[in-house]
Amino acid sequence: MPITNDAVATAVDEAGVLLRADGADLHLVGFDVDAASVRVAVDISGSNCVECIIPPDLLAVMLTDAINRSLDVTVEVVVDDPRRDDPSLGISADGSH
């Protein structure tokens, strides 16, 4: 059964639960069926406690697992996390606080 954009969007929305408790969210950026790749973006704009959000490296592993489990196939999940690019957010390159 081919993976549809709707199925990917639903999987990403369900995986976003991991972030919403801390005021963050997850958005689908794109899905490449030929490359079996999903790109998502972490949105921290609504969070009052960026440090409370799961660290980037652990979050990427958790999101990959959650999305693959939801789709019942293996896809590469690329996570765009603004905390990796902004030293003012207090997250080191390895994702620790």
PDB file of N, CA and C in Angstrom:
ATOM      1  N   MET A   1       0.847  -1.189   0.000  1.00  0.00           N
ATOM      2  CA  MET A   1       0.000   0.000   0.000  1.00  0.00           C
ATOM      3  C   MET A   1       0.889   1.249   0.000  1.00  0.00           C
ATOM      4  N   PRO A   2       0.697   2.145  -0.954  1.00  0.00           N
ATOM      5  CA  PRO A   2       1.522   3.358  -1.004  1.00  0.00           C
ATOM      6  C   PRO A   2       1.197   4.315   0.151  1.00  0.00           C
ATOM      7  N   ILE A   3       2.195   5.058   0.527  1.00  0.00           N
ATOM      8  CA  ILE A   3       2.019   6.048   1.590  1.00  0.00           C
ATOM      9  C   ILE A   3       1.452   7.310   0.956  1.00  0.00           C
ATOM     10  N   THR A   4       0.380   7.831   1.547  1.00  0.00           N
ATOM     11  CA  THR A   4      -0.245   9.038   1.018  1.00  0.00           C
ATOM     12  C   THR A   4       0.185  10.253   1.835  1.00  0.00           C
ATOM     13  N   ASN A   5       0.034  11.424   1.242  1.00  0.00           N
ATOM     14  CA  ASN A   5       0.324  12.657   1.964  1.00  0.00           C
ATOM     15  C   ASN A   5      -0.558  12.791   3.203  1.00  0.00           C
ATOM     16  N   ASP A   6      -1.812  12.355   3.097  1.00  0.00           N
ATOM     17  CA  ASP A   6      -2.722  12.414   4.251  1.00  0.00           C
ATOM     18  C   ASP A   6      -2.221  11.536   5.389  1.00  0.00           C
ATOM     19  N   ALA A   7      -1.731  10.338   5.053  1.00  0.00           N
ATOM     20  CA  ALA A   7      -1.222   9.432   6.084  1.00  0.00           C
ATOM     21  C   ALA A   7       0.005  10.023   6.765  1.00  0.00           C
ATOM     22  N   VAL A   8       0.879  10.641   5.973  1.00  0.00           N
ATOM     23  CA  VAL A   8       2.073  11.277   6.534  1.00  0.00           C
ATOM     24  C   VAL A   8       1.671  12.450   7.416  1.00  0.00           C
ATOM     25  N   ALA A   9       0.748  13.273   6.950  1.00  0.00           N
ATOM     26  CA  ALA A   9       0.294  14.425   7.736  1.00  0.00           C
ATOM     27  C   ALA A   9      -0.325  13.973   9.055  1.00  0.00           C
ATOM     28  N   THR A  10      -1.095  12.901   9.029  1.00  0.00           N
ATOM     29  CA  THR A  10      -1.698  12.366  10.251  1.00  0.00           C
ATOM     30  C   THR A  10      -0.625  11.851  11.194  1.00  0.00           C
ATOM     31  N   ALA A  11       0.363  11.141  10.662  1.00  0.00           N
ATOM     32  CA  ALA A  11       1.453  10.616  11.488  1.00  0.00           C
ATOM     33  C   ALA A  11       2.236  11.744  12.143  1.00  0.00           C
ATOM     34  N   VAL A  12       2.498  12.806  11.396  1.00  0.00           N
ATOM     35  CA  VAL A  12       3.225  13.958  11.940  1.00  0.00           C
ATOM     36  C   VAL A  12       2.388  14.644  13.015  1.00  0.00           C
ATOM     37  N   ASP A  13       1.104  14.797  12.761  1.00  0.00           N
ATOM     38  CA  ASP A  13       0.224  15.419  13.750  1.00  0.00           C
ATOM     39  C   ASP A  13       0.203  14.605  15.044  1.00  0.00           C
ATOM     40  N   GLU A  14       0.112  13.291  14.913  1.00  0.00           N
ATOM     41  CA  GLU A  14       0.113  12.431  16.098  1.00  0.00           C
ATOM     42  C   GLU A  14       1.439  12.501  16.839  1.00  0.00           C
ATOM     43  N   ALA A  15       2.547  12.563  16.126  1.00  0.00           N
ATOM     44  CA  ALA A  15       3.865  12.664  16.752  1.00  0.00           C
ATOM     45  C   ALA A  15       4.042  14.015  17.447  1.00  0.00           C
ATOM     46  N   GLY A  16       3.332  15.023  16.978  1.00  0.00           N
ATOM     47  CA  GLY A  16       3.413  16.358  17.582  1.00  0.00           C
ATOM     48  C   GLY A  16       2.971  16.405  19.029  1.00  0.00           C
ATOM     49  N   VAL A  17       2.244  15.387  19.464  1.00  0.00           N
ATOM     50  CA  VAL A  17       1.813  15.305  20.861  1.00  0.00           C
ATOM     51  C   VAL A  17       3.027  15.349  21.788  1.00  0.00           C
ATOM     52  N   LEU A  18       4.156  14.818  21.321  1.00  0.00           N
ATOM     53  CA  LEU A  18       5.386  14.821  22.120  1.00  0.00           C
ATOM     54  C   LEU A  18       5.838  16.243  22.465  1.00  0.00           C
ATOM     55  N   LEU A  19       5.395  17.221  21.702  1.00  0.00           N
ATOM     56  CA  LEU A  19       5.846  18.601  21.876  1.00  0.00           C
ATOM     57  C   LEU A  19       4.795  19.530  22.471  1.00  0.00           C
ATOM     58  N   ARG A  20       3.546  19.233  22.235  1.00  0.00           N
ATOM     59  CA  ARG A  20       2.484  20.182  22.571  1.00  0.00           C
ATOM     60  C   ARG A  20       2.359  20.466  24.063  1.00  0.00           C
ATOM     61  N   ALA A  21       2.682  19.503  24.907  1.00  0.00           N
ATOM     62  CA  ALA A  21       2.583  19.729  26.348  1.00  0.00           C
ATOM     63  C   ALA A  21       3.518  20.847  26.807  1.00  0.00           C
ATOM     64  N   ASP A  22       4.588  21.071  26.037  1.00  0.00           N
ATOM     65  CA  ASP A  22       5.547  22.125  26.375  1.00  0.00           C
ATOM     66  C   ASP A  22       5.355  23.381  25.528  1.00  0.00           C
ATOM     67  N   GLY A  23       4.223  23.473  24.830  1.00  0.00           N
ATOM     68  CA  GLY A  23       3.911  24.664  24.056  1.00  0.00           C
ATOM     69  C   GLY A  23       4.542  24.710  22.677  1.00  0.00           C
ATOM     70  N   ALA A  24       5.226  23.649  22.277  1.00  0.00           N
ATOM     71  CA  ALA A  24       5.826  23.588  20.950  1.00  0.00           C
ATOM     72  C   ALA A  24       4.889  22.803  20.031  1.00  0.00           C
ATOM     73  N   ASP A  25       5.260  22.681  18.761  1.00  0.00           N
ATOM     74  CA  ASP A  25       4.447  21.907  17.829  1.00  0.00           C
ATOM     75  C   ASP A  25       5.336  21.354  16.732  1.00  0.00           C
ATOM     76  N   LEU A  26       4.763  20.530  15.892  1.00  0.00           N
ATOM     77  CA  LEU A  26       5.463  19.882  14.801  1.00  0.00           C
ATOM     78  C   LEU A  26       4.674  20.107  13.524  1.00  0.00           C
ATOM     79  N   HIS A  27       5.385  20.462  12.463  1.00  0.00           N
ATOM     80  CA  HIS A  27       4.728  20.722  11.183  1.00  0.00           C
ATOM     81  C   HIS A  27       5.393  19.907  10.080  1.00  0.00           C
ATOM     82  N   LEU A  28       4.585  19.391   9.183  1.00  0.00           N
ATOM     83  CA  LEU A  28       5.089  18.681   8.018  1.00  0.00           C
ATOM     84  C   LEU A  28       5.628  19.704   7.026  1.00  0.00           C
ATOM     85  N   VAL A  29       6.884  19.538   6.643  1.00  0.00           N
ATOM     86  CA  VAL A  29       7.504  20.420   5.656  1.00  0.00           C
ATOM     87  C   VAL A  29       7.394  19.792   4.276  1.00  0.00           C
ATOM     88  N   GLY A  30       7.638  18.489   4.215  1.00  0.00           N
ATOM     89  CA  GLY A  30       7.559  17.829   2.927  1.00  0.00           C
ATOM     90  C   GLY A  30       7.674  16.323   3.052  1.00  0.00           C
ATOM     91  N   PHE A  31       7.241  15.643   2.002  1.00  0.00           N
ATOM     92  CA  PHE A  31       7.314  14.188   1.942  1.00  0.00           C
ATOM     93  C   PHE A  31       7.705  13.798   0.532  1.00  0.00           C
ATOM     94  N   ASP A  32       8.785  13.024   0.429  1.00  0.00           N
ATOM     95  CA  ASP A  32       9.262  12.548  -0.870  1.00  0.00           C
ATOM     96  C   ASP A  32       9.029  11.042  -0.920  1.00  0.00           C
ATOM     97  N   VAL A  33       8.009  10.629  -1.656  1.00  0.00           N
ATOM     98  CA  VAL A  33       7.650   9.215  -1.710  1.00  0.00           C
ATOM     99  C   VAL A  33       8.764   8.394  -2.340  1.00  0.00           C
ATOM    100  N   ASP A  34       9.431   8.925  -3.356  1.00  0.00           N
ATOM    101  CA  ASP A  34      10.491   8.171  -4.032  1.00  0.00           C
ATOM    102  C   ASP A  34      11.696   7.941  -3.122  1.00  0.00           C
ATOM    103  N   ALA A  35      12.018   8.924  -2.311  1.00  0.00           N
ATOM    104  CA  ALA A  35      13.158   8.813  -1.395  1.00  0.00           C
ATOM    105  C   ALA A  35      12.740   8.239  -0.036  1.00  0.00           C
ATOM    106  N   ALA A  36      11.442   8.025   0.155  1.00  0.00           N
ATOM    107  CA  ALA A  36      10.901   7.557   1.445  1.00  0.00           C
ATOM    108  C   ALA A  36      11.438   8.441   2.566  1.00  0.00           C
ATOM    109  N   SER A  37      11.229   9.745   2.405  1.00  0.00           N
ATOM    110  CA  SER A  37      11.758  10.727   3.340  1.00  0.00           C
ATOM    111  C   SER A  37      10.669  11.718   3.744  1.00  0.00           C
ATOM    112  N   VAL A  38      10.614  11.987   5.041  1.00  0.00           N
ATOM    113  CA  VAL A  38       9.675  12.955   5.593  1.00  0.00           C
ATOM    114  C   VAL A  38      10.485  14.047   6.269  1.00  0.00           C
ATOM    115  N   ARG A  39      10.181  15.299   5.978  1.00  0.00           N
ATOM    116  CA  ARG A  39      10.844  16.425   6.646  1.00  0.00           C
ATOM    117  C   ARG A  39       9.808  17.137   7.503  1.00  0.00           C
ATOM    118  N   VAL A  40      10.159  17.317   8.776  1.00  0.00           N
ATOM    119  CA  VAL A  40       9.280  18.010   9.708  1.00  0.00           C
ATOM    120  C   VAL A  40      10.046  19.168  10.342  1.00  0.00           C
ATOM    121  N   ALA A  41       9.294  20.140  10.832  1.00  0.00           N
ATOM    122  CA  ALA A  41       9.897  21.295  11.504  1.00  0.00           C
ATOM    123  C   ALA A  41       9.301  21.420  12.896  1.00  0.00           C
ATOM    124  N   VAL A  42      10.185  21.645  13.860  1.00  0.00           N
ATOM    125  CA  VAL A  42       9.764  21.896  15.230  1.00  0.00           C
ATOM    126  C   VAL A  42       9.467  23.383  15.343  1.00  0.00           C
ATOM    127  N   ASP A  43       8.303  23.707  15.874  1.00  0.00           N
ATOM    128  CA  ASP A  43       7.888  25.101  16.073  1.00  0.00           C
ATOM    129  C   ASP A  43       7.893  25.379  17.571  1.00  0.00           C
ATOM    130  N   ILE A  44       8.833  26.211  18.010  1.00  0.00           N
ATOM    131  CA  ILE A  44       8.944  26.516  19.440  1.00  0.00           C
ATOM    132  C   ILE A  44       8.389  27.894  19.781  1.00  0.00           C
ATOM    133  N   SER A  45       7.744  28.528  18.816  1.00  0.00           N
ATOM    134  CA  SER A  45       7.283  29.910  19.020  1.00  0.00           C
ATOM    135  C   SER A  45       6.248  30.040  20.131  1.00  0.00           C
ATOM    136  N   GLY A  46       5.507  28.979  20.427  1.00  0.00           N
ATOM    137  CA  GLY A  46       4.486  29.054  21.466  1.00  0.00           C
ATOM    138  C   GLY A  46       4.953  28.568  22.829  1.00  0.00           C
ATOM    139  N   SER A  47       6.228  28.214  22.932  1.00  0.00           N
ATOM    140  CA  SER A  47       6.734  27.651  24.181  1.00  0.00           C
ATOM    141  C   SER A  47       7.300  28.736  25.089  1.00  0.00           C
ATOM    142  N   ASN A  48       6.909  28.677  26.347  1.00  0.00           N
ATOM    143  CA  ASN A  48       7.471  29.579  27.342  1.00  0.00           C
ATOM    144  C   ASN A  48       8.677  28.968  28.029  1.00  0.00           C
ATOM    145  N   CYS A  49       8.964  27.705  27.721  1.00  0.00           N
ATOM    146  CA  CYS A  49      10.065  26.992  28.364  1.00  0.00           C
ATOM    147  C   CYS A  49      10.764  26.126  27.324  1.00  0.00           C
ATOM    148  N   VAL A  50      11.626  26.736  26.521  1.00  0.00           N
ATOM    149  CA  VAL A  50      12.327  26.001  25.473  1.00  0.00           C
ATOM    150  C   VAL A  50      13.172  24.883  26.077  1.00  0.00           C
ATOM    151  N   GLU A  51      13.711  25.117  27.271  1.00  0.00           N
ATOM    152  CA  GLU A  51      14.532  24.106  27.936  1.00  0.00           C
ATOM    153  C   GLU A  51      13.712  22.876  28.326  1.00  0.00           C
ATOM    154  N   CYS A  52      12.397  23.028  28.425  1.00  0.00           N
ATOM    155  CA  CYS A  52      11.521  21.925  28.832  1.00  0.00           C
ATOM    156  C   CYS A  52      11.247  20.950  27.685  1.00  0.00           C
ATOM    157  N   ILE A  53      11.457  21.397  26.464  1.00  0.00           N
ATOM    158  CA  ILE A  53      11.190  20.564  25.294  1.00  0.00           C
ATOM    159  C   ILE A  53      12.273  19.487  25.193  1.00  0.00           C
ATOM    160  N   ILE A  54      11.876  18.305  24.789  1.00  0.00           N
ATOM    161  CA  ILE A  54      12.798  17.188  24.620  1.00  0.00           C
ATOM    162  C   ILE A  54      14.011  17.660  23.808  1.00  0.00           C
ATOM    163  N   PRO A  55      15.243  17.357  24.255  1.00  0.00           N
ATOM    164  CA  PRO A  55      16.452  17.768  23.527  1.00  0.00           C
ATOM    165  C   PRO A  55      16.421  17.300  22.066  1.00  0.00           C
ATOM    166  N   PRO A  56      17.008  18.082  21.159  1.00  0.00           N
ATOM    167  CA  PRO A  56      16.917  17.806  19.719  1.00  0.00           C
ATOM    168  C   PRO A  56      17.290  16.389  19.288  1.00  0.00           C
ATOM    169  N   ASP A  57      18.407  15.850  19.776  1.00  0.00           N
ATOM    170  CA  ASP A  57      18.818  14.519  19.328  1.00  0.00           C
ATOM    171  C   ASP A  57      17.830  13.449  19.763  1.00  0.00           C
ATOM    172  N   LEU A  58      17.399  13.500  21.000  1.00  0.00           N
ATOM    173  CA  LEU A  58      16.418  12.533  21.503  1.00  0.00           C
ATOM    174  C   LEU A  58      15.079  12.718  20.798  1.00  0.00           C
ATOM    175  N   LEU A  59      14.696  13.960  20.578  1.00  0.00           N
ATOM    176  CA  LEU A  59      13.439  14.243  19.887  1.00  0.00           C
ATOM    177  C   LEU A  59      13.449  13.641  18.488  1.00  0.00           C
ATOM    178  N   ALA A  60      14.549  13.782  17.759  1.00  0.00           N
ATOM    179  CA  ALA A  60      14.644  13.233  16.400  1.00  0.00           C
ATOM    180  C   ALA A  60      14.439  11.721  16.413  1.00  0.00           C
ATOM    181  N   VAL A  61      15.038  11.031  17.374  1.00  0.00           N
ATOM    182  CA  VAL A  61      14.871   9.579  17.481  1.00  0.00           C
ATOM    183  C   VAL A  61      13.413   9.230  17.789  1.00  0.00           C
ATOM    184  N   MET A  62      12.823   9.953  18.732  1.00  0.00           N
ATOM    185  CA  MET A  62      11.438   9.683  19.121  1.00  0.00           C
ATOM    186  C   MET A  62      10.469   9.949  17.974  1.00  0.00           C
ATOM    187  N   LEU A  63      10.687  11.046  17.253  1.00  0.00           N
ATOM    188  CA  LEU A  63       9.802  11.374  16.131  1.00  0.00           C
ATOM    189  C   LEU A  63       9.932  10.345  15.017  1.00  0.00           C
ATOM    190  N   THR A  64      11.160   9.932  14.721  1.00  0.00           N
ATOM    191  CA  THR A  64      11.375   8.919  13.688  1.00  0.00           C
ATOM    192  C   THR A  64      10.630   7.649  14.044  1.00  0.00           C
ATOM    193  N   ASP A  65      10.761   7.216  15.288  1.00  0.00           N
ATOM    194  CA  ASP A  65      10.085   6.004  15.737  1.00  0.00           C
ATOM    195  C   ASP A  65       8.566   6.160  15.658  1.00  0.00           C
ATOM    196  N   ALA A  66       8.057   7.275  16.144  1.00  0.00           N
ATOM    197  CA  ALA A  66       6.606   7.494  16.165  1.00  0.00           C
ATOM    198  C   ALA A  66       6.012   7.554  14.757  1.00  0.00           C
ATOM    199  N   ILE A  67       6.680   8.258  13.856  1.00  0.00           N
ATOM    200  CA  ILE A  67       6.172   8.401  12.484  1.00  0.00           C
ATOM    201  C   ILE A  67       6.249   7.064  11.745  1.00  0.00           C
ATOM    202  N   ASN A  68       7.372   6.354  11.883  1.00  0.00           N
ATOM    203  CA  ASN A  68       7.492   5.050  11.219  1.00  0.00           C
ATOM    204  C   ASN A  68       6.477   4.051  11.756  1.00  0.00           C
ATOM    205  N   ARG A  69       6.243   4.067  13.055  1.00  0.00           N
ATOM    206  CA  ARG A  69       5.265   3.160  13.656  1.00  0.00           C
ATOM    207  C   ARG A  69       3.859   3.497  13.145  1.00  0.00           C
ATOM    208  N   SER A  70       3.552   4.775  13.056  1.00  0.00           N
ATOM    209  CA  SER A  70       2.228   5.192  12.594  1.00  0.00           C
ATOM    210  C   SER A  70       2.009   4.828  11.122  1.00  0.00           C
ATOM    211  N   LEU A  71       3.051   4.977  10.306  1.00  0.00           N
ATOM    212  CA  LEU A  71       2.930   4.673   8.876  1.00  0.00           C
ATOM    213  C   LEU A  71       3.079   3.184   8.592  1.00  0.00           C
ATOM    214  N   ASP A  72       3.625   2.443   9.547  1.00  0.00           N
ATOM    215  CA  ASP A  72       3.861   1.009   9.404  1.00  0.00           C
ATOM    216  C   ASP A  72       4.837   0.702   8.265  1.00  0.00           C
ATOM    217  N   VAL A  73       5.746   1.627   8.012  1.00  0.00           N
ATOM    218  CA  VAL A  73       6.848   1.450   7.059  1.00  0.00           C
ATOM    219  C   VAL A  73       8.036   2.233   7.609  1.00  0.00           C
ATOM    220  N   THR A  74       9.179   2.042   6.990  1.00  0.00           N
ATOM    221  CA  THR A  74      10.358   2.781   7.417  1.00  0.00           C
ATOM    222  C   THR A  74      10.630   3.911   6.435  1.00  0.00           C
ATOM    223  N   VAL A  75      10.624   5.118   6.946  1.00  0.00           N
ATOM    224  CA  VAL A  75      10.993   6.289   6.158  1.00  0.00           C
ATOM    225  C   VAL A  75      12.065   7.045   6.924  1.00  0.00           C
ATOM    226  N   GLU A  76      12.865   7.791   6.196  1.00  0.00           N
ATOM    227  CA  GLU A  76      13.834   8.669   6.838  1.00  0.00           C
ATOM    228  C   GLU A  76      13.069   9.901   7.317  1.00  0.00           C
ATOM    229  N   VAL A  77      13.289  10.285   8.552  1.00  0.00           N
ATOM    230  CA  VAL A  77      12.650  11.479   9.091  1.00  0.00           C
ATOM    231  C   VAL A  77      13.729  12.509   9.372  1.00  0.00           C
ATOM    232  N   VAL A  78      13.627  13.652   8.692  1.00  0.00           N
ATOM    233  CA  VAL A  78      14.558  14.756   8.876  1.00  0.00           C
ATOM    234  C   VAL A  78      13.849  15.808   9.719  1.00  0.00           C
ATOM    235  N   VAL A  79      14.477  16.182  10.828  1.00  0.00           N
ATOM    236  CA  VAL A  79      13.862  17.108  11.766  1.00  0.00           C
ATOM    237  C   VAL A  79      14.600  18.447  11.730  1.00  0.00           C
ATOM    238  N   ASP A  80      13.888  19.492  11.320  1.00  0.00           N
ATOM    239  CA  ASP A  80      14.420  20.854  11.377  1.00  0.00           C
ATOM    240  C   ASP A  80      14.064  21.410  12.746  1.00  0.00           C
ATOM    241  N   ASP A  81      15.080  21.613  13.587  1.00  0.00           N
ATOM    242  CA  ASP A  81      14.860  22.069  14.951  1.00  0.00           C
ATOM    243  C   ASP A  81      15.626  23.380  15.141  1.00  0.00           C
ATOM    244  N   PRO A  82      14.921  24.496  15.338  1.00  0.00           N
ATOM    245  CA  PRO A  82      15.590  25.793  15.432  1.00  0.00           C
ATOM    246  C   PRO A  82      16.564  25.896  16.603  1.00  0.00           C
ATOM    247  N   ARG A  83      16.431  25.037  17.574  1.00  0.00           N
ATOM    248  CA  ARG A  83      17.332  25.084  18.722  1.00  0.00           C
ATOM    249  C   ARG A  83      18.742  24.696  18.345  1.00  0.00           C
ATOM    250  N   ARG A  84      18.901  23.965  17.263  1.00  0.00           N
ATOM    251  CA  ARG A  84      20.244  23.576  16.805  1.00  0.00           C
ATOM    252  C   ARG A  84      20.998  24.770  16.212  1.00  0.00           C
ATOM    253  N   ASP A  85      20.266  25.740  15.715  1.00  0.00           N
ATOM    254  CA  ASP A  85      20.874  26.864  15.002  1.00  0.00           C
ATOM    255  C   ASP A  85      20.961  28.150  15.809  1.00  0.00           C
ATOM    256  N   ASP A  86      20.415  28.156  17.010  1.00  0.00           N
ATOM    257  CA  ASP A  86      20.356  29.391  17.790  1.00  0.00           C
ATOM    258  C   ASP A  86      20.995  29.187  19.161  1.00  0.00           C
ATOM    259  N   PRO A  87      22.257  29.606  19.313  1.00  0.00           N
ATOM    260  CA  PRO A  87      22.957  29.409  20.579  1.00  0.00           C
ATOM    261  C   PRO A  87      22.293  30.127  21.757  1.00  0.00           C
ATOM    262  N   SER A  88      21.482  31.112  21.492  1.00  0.00           N
ATOM    263  CA  SER A  88      20.824  31.841  22.577  1.00  0.00           C
ATOM    264  C   SER A  88      19.758  30.999  23.271  1.00  0.00           C
ATOM    265  N   LEU A  89      19.400  29.868  22.668  1.00  0.00           N
ATOM    266  CA  LEU A  89      18.372  29.014  23.241  1.00  0.00           C
ATOM    267  C   LEU A  89      18.946  28.048  24.280  1.00  0.00           C
ATOM    268  N   GLY A  90      20.264  28.062  24.453  1.00  0.00           N
ATOM    269  CA  GLY A  90      20.887  27.266  25.504  1.00  0.00           C
ATOM    270  C   GLY A  90      20.980  25.792  25.222  1.00  0.00           C
ATOM    271  N   ILE A  91      20.969  25.397  23.952  1.00  0.00           N
ATOM    272  CA  ILE A  91      21.097  23.995  23.581  1.00  0.00           C
ATOM    273  C   ILE A  91      22.441  23.830  22.886  1.00  0.00           C
ATOM    274  N   SER A  92      23.250  22.874  23.360  1.00  0.00           N
ATOM    275  CA  SER A  92      24.553  22.653  22.742  1.00  0.00           C
ATOM    276  C   SER A  92      24.396  21.858  21.456  1.00  0.00           C
ATOM    277  N   ALA A  93      25.470  21.738  20.703  1.00  0.00           N
ATOM    278  CA  ALA A  93      25.424  21.048  19.415  1.00  0.00           C
ATOM    279  C   ALA A  93      24.968  19.602  19.545  1.00  0.00           C
ATOM    280  N   ASP A  94      25.240  18.974  20.703  1.00  0.00           N
ATOM    281  CA  ASP A  94      24.814  17.582  20.879  1.00  0.00           C
ATOM    282  C   ASP A  94      23.403  17.463  21.409  1.00  0.00           C
ATOM    283  N   GLY A  95      22.727  18.599  21.587  1.00  0.00           N
ATOM    284  CA  GLY A  95      21.340  18.595  22.013  1.00  0.00           C
ATOM    285  C   GLY A  95      21.139  18.689  23.502  1.00  0.00           C
ATOM    286  N   SER A  96      22.218  18.759  24.266  1.00  0.00           N
ATOM    287  CA  SER A  96      22.059  18.862  25.722  1.00  0.00           C
ATOM    288  C   SER A  96      21.820  20.308  26.122  1.00  0.00           C
ATOM    289  N   HIS A  97      21.330  20.479  27.330  1.00  0.00           N
ATOM    290  CA  HIS A  97      21.015  21.823  27.839  1.00  0.00           C
ATOM    291  C   HIS A  97      22.253  22.456  28.419  1.00  0.00           C
TER     292      HIS A  97
END
